[in-house]
Amino acid sequence: MPKTTVNRNIVYLKGIVVAPFEFCYTLPDKVFYRGYIEVIGLSGIPNRLPIVTEKRMLNEDIKVGSYIKVNANLRTRNYKENEINKVDVYAFAYDIKPNNKAGKFANQVTMEGYICKQPQIRYSPTGNKLYSTVLANNRESGIVNYIPIVFFERNSKEAEQIKVGDLIQLKGRFQSRTYWKNKEQKSVYEVAISTFKKI
């Protein structure tokens, strides 16, 4: 699987801040903060999405209850929790501005990358068939993002033809979902695909 090609990774969000931006981590000469925005989908279902950005991007207009618009890309970070390997998925914002049109939402993702896991069938709470897999998306730094992606039943014929190593381009939305495990509610973040093609 090629690792040198930089893959497209564009995210545009409009939403309302629902959790304050708080210190996340530091790099030399840079400080990063993490917050959450809520984006309402066309179906009326809210998605609570994690946003990470440099401290310099934040000002007094970016606070809980304010509407913002975000230009970002999706990133992942591997970490351990109780000796269990986990993956953190978030939108890394390189531009955040107030959105003066309160109540207007947007959730657009355009990405490309390599399928690195054979698609697995799962079912939504409403009984719809889904195909879930992982997309390897290469960054300029040489770091690879491993983004969970979901094909809906309407794309099932095409999804069944996908195999490990295929390079695809997709359009979709960044979404959250929750589930219960050991009496604890967990959150998962993934890209729900609207359209895609092999490239």
Protein backbone atom coordinates (compact mmCIF):
# COMPACT_ATOMS: atom_id res chain seq x y z
CA MET A 1 0.00 0.00 0.00
CA PRO A 2 1.62 3.31 -1.04
CA LYS A 3 2.45 5.63 1.84
CA THR A 4 4.02 8.56 0.00
CA THR A 5 0.95 9.99 -1.77
CA VAL A 6 -0.85 12.75 0.14
CA ASN A 7 -4.60 12.08 0.15
CA ARG A 8 -7.36 14.67 0.04
CA ASN A 9 -8.96 15.40 3.42
CA ILE A 10 -11.40 18.33 3.55
CA VAL A 11 -14.03 18.95 6.22
CA TYR A 12 -16.47 21.87 6.46
CA LEU A 13 -18.77 22.15 9.49
CA LYS A 14 -21.31 24.64 10.78
CA GLY A 15 -22.61 24.02 14.26
CA ILE A 16 -23.14 25.25 17.79
CA VAL A 17 -20.50 24.97 20.51
CA VAL A 18 -21.83 22.61 23.21
CA ALA A 19 -18.69 22.04 25.30
CA PRO A 20 -15.98 24.61 26.05
CA PHE A 21 -12.59 24.42 24.40
CA GLU A 22 -10.12 23.17 27.00
CA PHE A 23 -6.40 22.41 27.01
CA CYS A 24 -5.59 19.23 25.12
CA TYR A 25 -1.83 18.98 24.43
CA THR A 26 1.25 20.97 23.44
CA LEU A 27 3.94 20.86 20.78
CA PRO A 28 6.98 23.12 20.55
CA ASP A 29 5.61 26.70 20.26
CA LYS A 30 2.01 25.46 19.89
CA VAL A 31 -0.83 24.85 22.33
CA PHE A 32 -3.93 22.88 21.32
CA TYR A 33 -7.45 22.95 22.72
CA ARG A 34 -10.39 20.56 22.31
CA GLY A 35 -14.10 21.32 22.33
CA TYR A 36 -17.34 19.93 20.93
CA ILE A 37 -19.90 21.27 18.50
CA GLU A 38 -23.36 19.97 17.71
CA VAL A 39 -24.40 19.68 14.08
CA ILE A 40 -28.00 18.80 13.25
CA GLY A 41 -28.36 16.53 10.22
CA LEU A 42 -31.08 16.64 7.57
CA SER A 43 -32.88 13.87 9.48
CA GLY A 44 -32.95 16.07 12.58
CA ILE A 45 -30.50 13.83 14.42
CA PRO A 46 -27.79 15.78 16.31
CA ASN A 47 -24.11 14.87 16.00
CA ARG A 48 -21.81 15.91 18.85
CA LEU A 49 -18.42 16.26 17.19
CA PRO A 50 -14.92 16.77 18.67
CA ILE A 51 -12.90 19.74 17.40
CA VAL A 52 -9.18 20.23 18.10
CA THR A 53 -7.47 23.51 17.21
CA GLU A 54 -4.58 25.79 18.12
CA LYS A 55 -5.22 28.16 21.00
CA ARG A 56 -4.58 31.14 18.70
CA MET A 57 -7.73 30.25 16.72
CA LEU A 58 -9.95 30.82 19.74
CA ASN A 59 -11.39 34.12 20.97
CA GLU A 60 -14.27 35.36 23.11
CA ASP A 61 -16.73 34.73 20.27
CA ILE A 62 -16.01 31.00 20.35
CA LYS A 63 -17.88 29.88 23.46
CA VAL A 64 -20.66 27.53 24.52
CA GLY A 65 -23.86 28.54 22.76
CA SER A 66 -22.19 30.32 19.86
CA TYR A 67 -22.60 29.23 16.24
CA ILE A 68 -19.35 28.69 14.37
CA LYS A 69 -18.09 27.54 10.98
CA VAL A 70 -15.05 25.30 10.81
CA ASN A 71 -12.59 24.38 8.05
CA ALA A 72 -10.73 21.27 9.10
CA ASN A 73 -9.44 17.83 8.24
CA LEU A 74 -10.06 14.56 10.02
CA ARG A 75 -7.26 13.11 12.09
CA THR A 76 -6.73 10.14 14.36
CA ARG A 77 -4.53 9.53 17.37
CA ASN A 78 -3.68 6.15 18.89
CA TYR A 79 -3.63 5.87 22.68
CA LYS A 80 -4.03 3.37 25.49
CA GLU A 81 -6.75 3.31 28.14
CA ASN A 82 -6.57 0.67 30.85
CA GLU A 83 -4.03 -1.20 28.69
CA ILE A 84 -6.49 -1.29 25.78
CA ASN A 85 -5.46 0.21 22.42
CA LYS A 86 -7.91 2.88 21.25
CA VAL A 87 -8.20 5.41 18.43
CA ASP A 88 -9.27 9.02 18.90
CA VAL A 89 -11.01 10.50 15.83
CA TYR A 90 -11.50 14.28 15.62
CA ALA A 91 -11.74 17.26 13.28
CA PHE A 92 -8.51 19.28 13.35
CA ALA A 93 -9.58 22.88 12.65
CA TYR A 94 -7.20 25.23 10.87
CA ASP A 95 -9.85 27.97 10.59
CA ILE A 96 -12.72 28.79 12.96
CA LYS A 97 -15.04 31.77 12.58
CA PRO A 98 -18.36 32.87 14.07
CA ASN A 99 -21.36 31.85 11.97
CA ASN A 100 -23.79 34.76 11.94
CA LYS A 101 -26.60 32.57 10.55
CA ALA A 102 -27.68 30.92 13.80
CA GLY A 103 -29.45 27.63 13.29
CA LYS A 104 -27.76 26.96 9.95
CA PHE A 105 -25.82 23.71 9.94
CA ALA A 106 -23.38 22.11 7.50
CA ASN A 107 -21.47 18.84 7.53
CA GLN A 108 -19.39 18.09 4.45
CA VAL A 109 -16.48 15.67 4.14
CA THR A 110 -14.41 14.98 1.01
CA MET A 111 -11.67 12.40 1.44
CA GLU A 112 -9.61 9.83 -0.33
CA GLY A 113 -7.53 6.97 0.93
CA TYR A 114 -6.85 3.25 0.94
CA ILE A 115 -9.18 0.60 2.31
CA CYS A 116 -7.15 -1.17 5.00
CA LYS A 117 -9.75 -3.48 6.52
CA GLN A 118 -12.24 -5.77 4.81
CA PRO A 119 -15.73 -4.18 5.12
CA GLN A 120 -17.82 -5.77 7.87
CA ILE A 121 -21.62 -5.91 7.97
CA ARG A 122 -23.40 -4.39 10.94
CA TYR A 123 -26.94 -3.18 11.55
CA SER A 124 -28.21 0.19 12.71
CA PRO A 125 -30.65 0.44 15.66
CA THR A 126 -33.44 0.72 13.06
CA GLY A 127 -32.34 -2.51 11.38
CA ASN A 128 -30.65 -1.05 8.29
CA LYS A 129 -27.65 -2.93 6.93
CA LEU A 130 -24.33 -1.04 7.05
CA TYR A 131 -20.82 -1.84 5.89
CA SER A 132 -18.06 -0.49 8.11
CA THR A 133 -14.34 -0.40 7.42
CA VAL A 134 -11.27 1.82 7.89
CA LEU A 135 -9.72 4.28 5.44
CA ALA A 136 -5.95 4.96 5.54
CA ASN A 137 -5.53 8.65 4.72
CA ASN A 138 -1.96 9.92 4.22
CA ARG A 139 -0.91 13.35 5.52
CA GLU A 140 1.94 15.56 4.29
CA SER A 141 3.90 14.81 7.46
CA GLY A 142 3.97 11.12 6.57
CA ILE A 143 1.55 10.33 9.38
CA VAL A 144 -1.41 8.13 8.40
CA ASN A 145 -4.95 8.80 9.66
CA TYR A 146 -7.03 5.66 10.10
CA ILE A 147 -10.60 6.91 9.65
CA PRO A 148 -13.62 4.68 10.37
CA ILE A 149 -16.07 4.88 7.44
CA VAL A 150 -19.57 3.52 6.87
CA PHE A 151 -21.33 2.55 3.64
CA PHE A 152 -25.13 2.57 3.76
CA GLU A 153 -27.37 -0.11 2.33
CA ARG A 154 -28.02 1.96 -0.82
CA ASN A 155 -24.30 1.55 -1.63
CA SER A 156 -24.27 -2.13 -0.68
CA LYS A 157 -23.56 -3.53 -4.16
CA GLU A 158 -20.54 -1.25 -4.59
CA ALA A 159 -19.40 -1.79 -0.99
CA GLU A 160 -19.39 -5.54 -1.48
CA GLN A 161 -16.87 -5.10 -4.30
CA ILE A 162 -14.44 -3.10 -2.15
CA LYS A 163 -11.30 -4.90 -1.05
CA VAL A 164 -8.24 -4.13 1.03
CA GLY A 165 -5.80 -1.91 -0.86
CA ASP A 166 -8.40 -0.16 -3.01
CA LEU A 167 -7.97 3.61 -3.34
CA ILE A 168 -11.31 5.40 -3.10
CA GLN A 169 -12.59 8.97 -3.08
CA LEU A 170 -15.67 9.72 -1.02
CA LYS A 171 -18.11 12.42 -0.03
CA GLY A 172 -20.08 12.21 3.16
CA ARG A 173 -20.49 13.60 6.66
CA PHE A 174 -18.68 13.35 9.99
CA GLN A 175 -21.02 11.71 12.47
CA SER A 176 -21.20 10.52 16.05
CA ARG A 177 -23.04 7.55 17.48
CA THR A 178 -23.33 6.09 20.94
CA TYR A 179 -23.67 2.59 22.33
CA TRP A 180 -23.63 0.90 25.71
CA LYS A 181 -20.90 -1.44 26.92
CA ASN A 182 -20.64 -2.78 30.47
CA LYS A 183 -23.34 -0.28 31.55
CA GLU A 184 -21.23 2.60 30.24
CA GLN A 185 -22.18 4.80 27.29
CA LYS A 186 -19.48 5.01 24.61
CA SER A 187 -19.11 7.44 21.69
CA VAL A 188 -17.85 6.57 18.22
CA TYR A 189 -16.93 8.99 15.43
CA GLU A 190 -16.93 7.99 11.77
CA VAL A 191 -17.59 9.19 8.23
CA ALA A 192 -20.98 8.24 6.80
CA ILE A 193 -20.56 7.96 3.02
CA SER A 194 -23.00 9.58 0.62
CA THR A 195 -21.14 8.79 -2.61
CA PHE A 196 -17.78 7.21 -3.46
CA LYS A 197 -15.74 5.88 -6.37
CA LYS A 198 -12.54 3.94 -6.91
CA ILE A 199 -9.65 6.04 -8.23
